[in-house]
Protein backbone atom coordinates (compact mmCIF):
# COMPACT_ATOMS: atom_id res chain seq x y z
CA MET A 1 -92.35 19.58 163.67
CA THR A 2 -92.51 23.23 163.13
CA ARG A 3 -89.89 25.25 164.86
CA TRP A 4 -91.08 28.62 166.85
CA TYR A 5 -88.46 31.47 166.49
CA SER A 6 -88.75 34.46 168.20
CA ARG A 7 -86.81 38.16 169.05
CA PRO A 8 -87.99 40.44 171.37
CA VAL A 9 -88.56 44.38 170.62
CA LEU A 10 -87.41 46.55 173.12
CA SER A 11 -88.36 49.99 172.44
CA VAL A 12 -85.47 52.62 173.15
CA THR A 13 -84.71 56.46 173.15
CA ASP A 14 -81.43 56.47 171.34
CA ILE A 15 -79.66 53.23 169.37
CA ALA A 16 -76.12 54.30 170.21
CA ARG A 17 -76.67 54.74 173.95
CA SER A 18 -78.90 51.24 174.18
CA ILE A 19 -76.26 49.44 172.21
CA ASP A 20 -73.27 50.31 174.55
CA PHE A 21 -75.05 49.68 177.10
CA TYR A 22 -76.33 46.04 176.57
CA VAL A 23 -73.09 45.65 175.26
CA GLY A 24 -70.86 47.25 177.54
CA LYS A 25 -72.39 46.53 180.63
CA LEU A 26 -74.27 43.34 180.12
CA GLY A 27 -72.18 41.44 177.62
CA PHE A 28 -74.27 41.16 174.39
CA GLN A 29 -72.81 41.37 170.65
CA GLU A 30 -73.99 43.54 168.19
CA ARG A 31 -75.08 41.78 165.39
CA TRP A 32 -76.69 44.40 162.87
CA ARG A 33 -77.58 47.73 162.50
CA HIS A 34 -80.43 49.75 160.43
CA VAL A 35 -80.22 53.10 159.76
CA GLU A 36 -82.61 54.95 157.24
CA ASN A 37 -82.33 58.43 156.36
CA GLY A 38 -78.94 58.96 158.48
CA ARG A 39 -81.29 58.13 161.69
CA GLU A 40 -80.33 54.66 163.67
CA LEU A 41 -83.97 52.81 163.53
CA VAL A 42 -83.12 49.09 164.79
CA ALA A 43 -80.08 47.27 165.88
CA GLN A 44 -79.94 43.58 167.30
CA VAL A 45 -78.10 42.53 170.32
CA ASP A 46 -77.47 39.11 171.63
CA ARG A 47 -75.78 36.80 174.87
CA GLY A 48 -75.62 32.97 174.13
CA GLU A 49 -79.39 32.01 172.88
CA CYS A 50 -80.82 35.24 173.80
CA GLU A 51 -81.58 37.83 170.99
CA LEU A 52 -83.23 41.33 171.46
CA LEU A 53 -84.10 43.92 168.85
CA LEU A 54 -83.51 47.70 170.02
CA ASP A 55 -86.10 49.76 168.01
CA SER A 56 -86.47 53.92 168.19
CA GLN A 57 -89.43 53.58 166.25
CA TRP A 58 -91.92 53.73 169.00
CA PRO A 59 -91.97 56.56 171.51
CA GLU A 60 -95.22 55.27 173.27
CA LYS A 61 -93.80 52.34 174.12
CA ARG A 62 -90.12 52.98 175.59
CA GLY A 63 -89.65 52.06 178.92
CA HIS A 64 -92.73 49.43 179.59
CA GLY A 65 -90.86 46.11 177.71
CA VAL A 66 -90.43 43.55 180.66
CA MET A 67 -88.25 40.26 179.04
CA PHE A 68 -87.64 37.05 181.28
CA ILE A 69 -84.58 35.59 180.61
CA SER A 70 -83.79 31.87 182.20
CA LEU A 71 -80.72 31.02 183.21
CA ASP A 72 -79.27 28.13 185.38
CA GLU A 73 -78.17 29.67 188.93
CA PRO A 74 -74.53 29.24 189.04
CA VAL A 75 -74.67 31.00 185.37
CA LEU A 76 -77.49 33.37 186.87
CA GLU A 77 -74.75 34.50 190.32
CA ALA A 78 -72.10 34.43 187.26
CA PHE A 79 -73.63 37.25 185.48
CA ARG A 80 -75.08 39.01 188.84
CA ALA A 81 -71.36 39.23 189.99
CA GLU A 82 -70.52 39.99 186.23
CA VAL A 83 -72.35 42.95 185.54
CA THR A 84 -71.91 44.42 188.93
CA ALA A 85 -68.83 44.70 188.47
CA ARG A 86 -69.40 46.87 185.19
CA GLY A 87 -71.32 49.32 187.71
CA VAL A 88 -74.83 47.56 186.83
CA GLU A 89 -77.42 47.89 189.53
CA VAL A 90 -79.22 44.84 189.90
CA LYS A 91 -82.42 44.77 191.75
CA ASP A 92 -84.10 41.81 194.14
CA GLY A 93 -87.67 41.37 193.01
CA ARG A 94 -90.56 38.85 193.56
CA TRP A 95 -93.05 37.40 190.52
CA GLY A 96 -94.04 34.46 192.62
CA TYR A 97 -90.35 33.44 193.23
CA ARG A 98 -87.20 35.39 193.40
CA LEU A 99 -86.05 37.40 190.44
CA ALA A 100 -83.02 39.44 189.31
CA ILE A 101 -83.91 42.42 187.69
CA VAL A 102 -81.79 44.75 185.66
CA ALA A 103 -83.83 47.88 183.89
CA ASP A 104 -82.10 49.60 180.88
CA PRO A 105 -81.28 52.96 180.53
CA ASP A 106 -84.85 53.65 179.26
CA GLY A 107 -86.33 51.64 181.82
CA ASN A 108 -87.40 48.46 180.09
CA GLN A 109 -87.06 45.64 182.40
CA LEU A 110 -84.85 42.21 182.24
CA PHE A 111 -86.24 39.55 184.75
CA PHE A 112 -83.97 36.45 185.59
CA PRO A 113 -85.77 34.05 187.90
CA TYR A 114 -84.30 31.59 190.19
CA PRO A 115 -85.11 28.61 190.81
CA ALA A 116 -88.90 28.24 192.72
CA ASP A 117 -88.47 28.60 196.14
């Protein structure tokens, strides 16, 4: 059996600002940064088994990312309370079912689905 592994890439304007948001506001951990000629190009953050790459090399893709992150409902409710207490706006939405939506500083959206109605 072959195991698949993925790390979504979110295009961002500023790696340091994005890491501040994902680590300081959403509770992720920074794993590494790639710097070339003094410019931060890519970084990885993770929380639990969710790993994200933050990339500043494709300006035309910034703010267009959408990522679904599935959590058990009690974990989602705890996460929502945690990030709201840190000043993060969590919006309600729908994608055929109820969502909690968090936008990063560049407008990339993290969709957290609730169990189907």
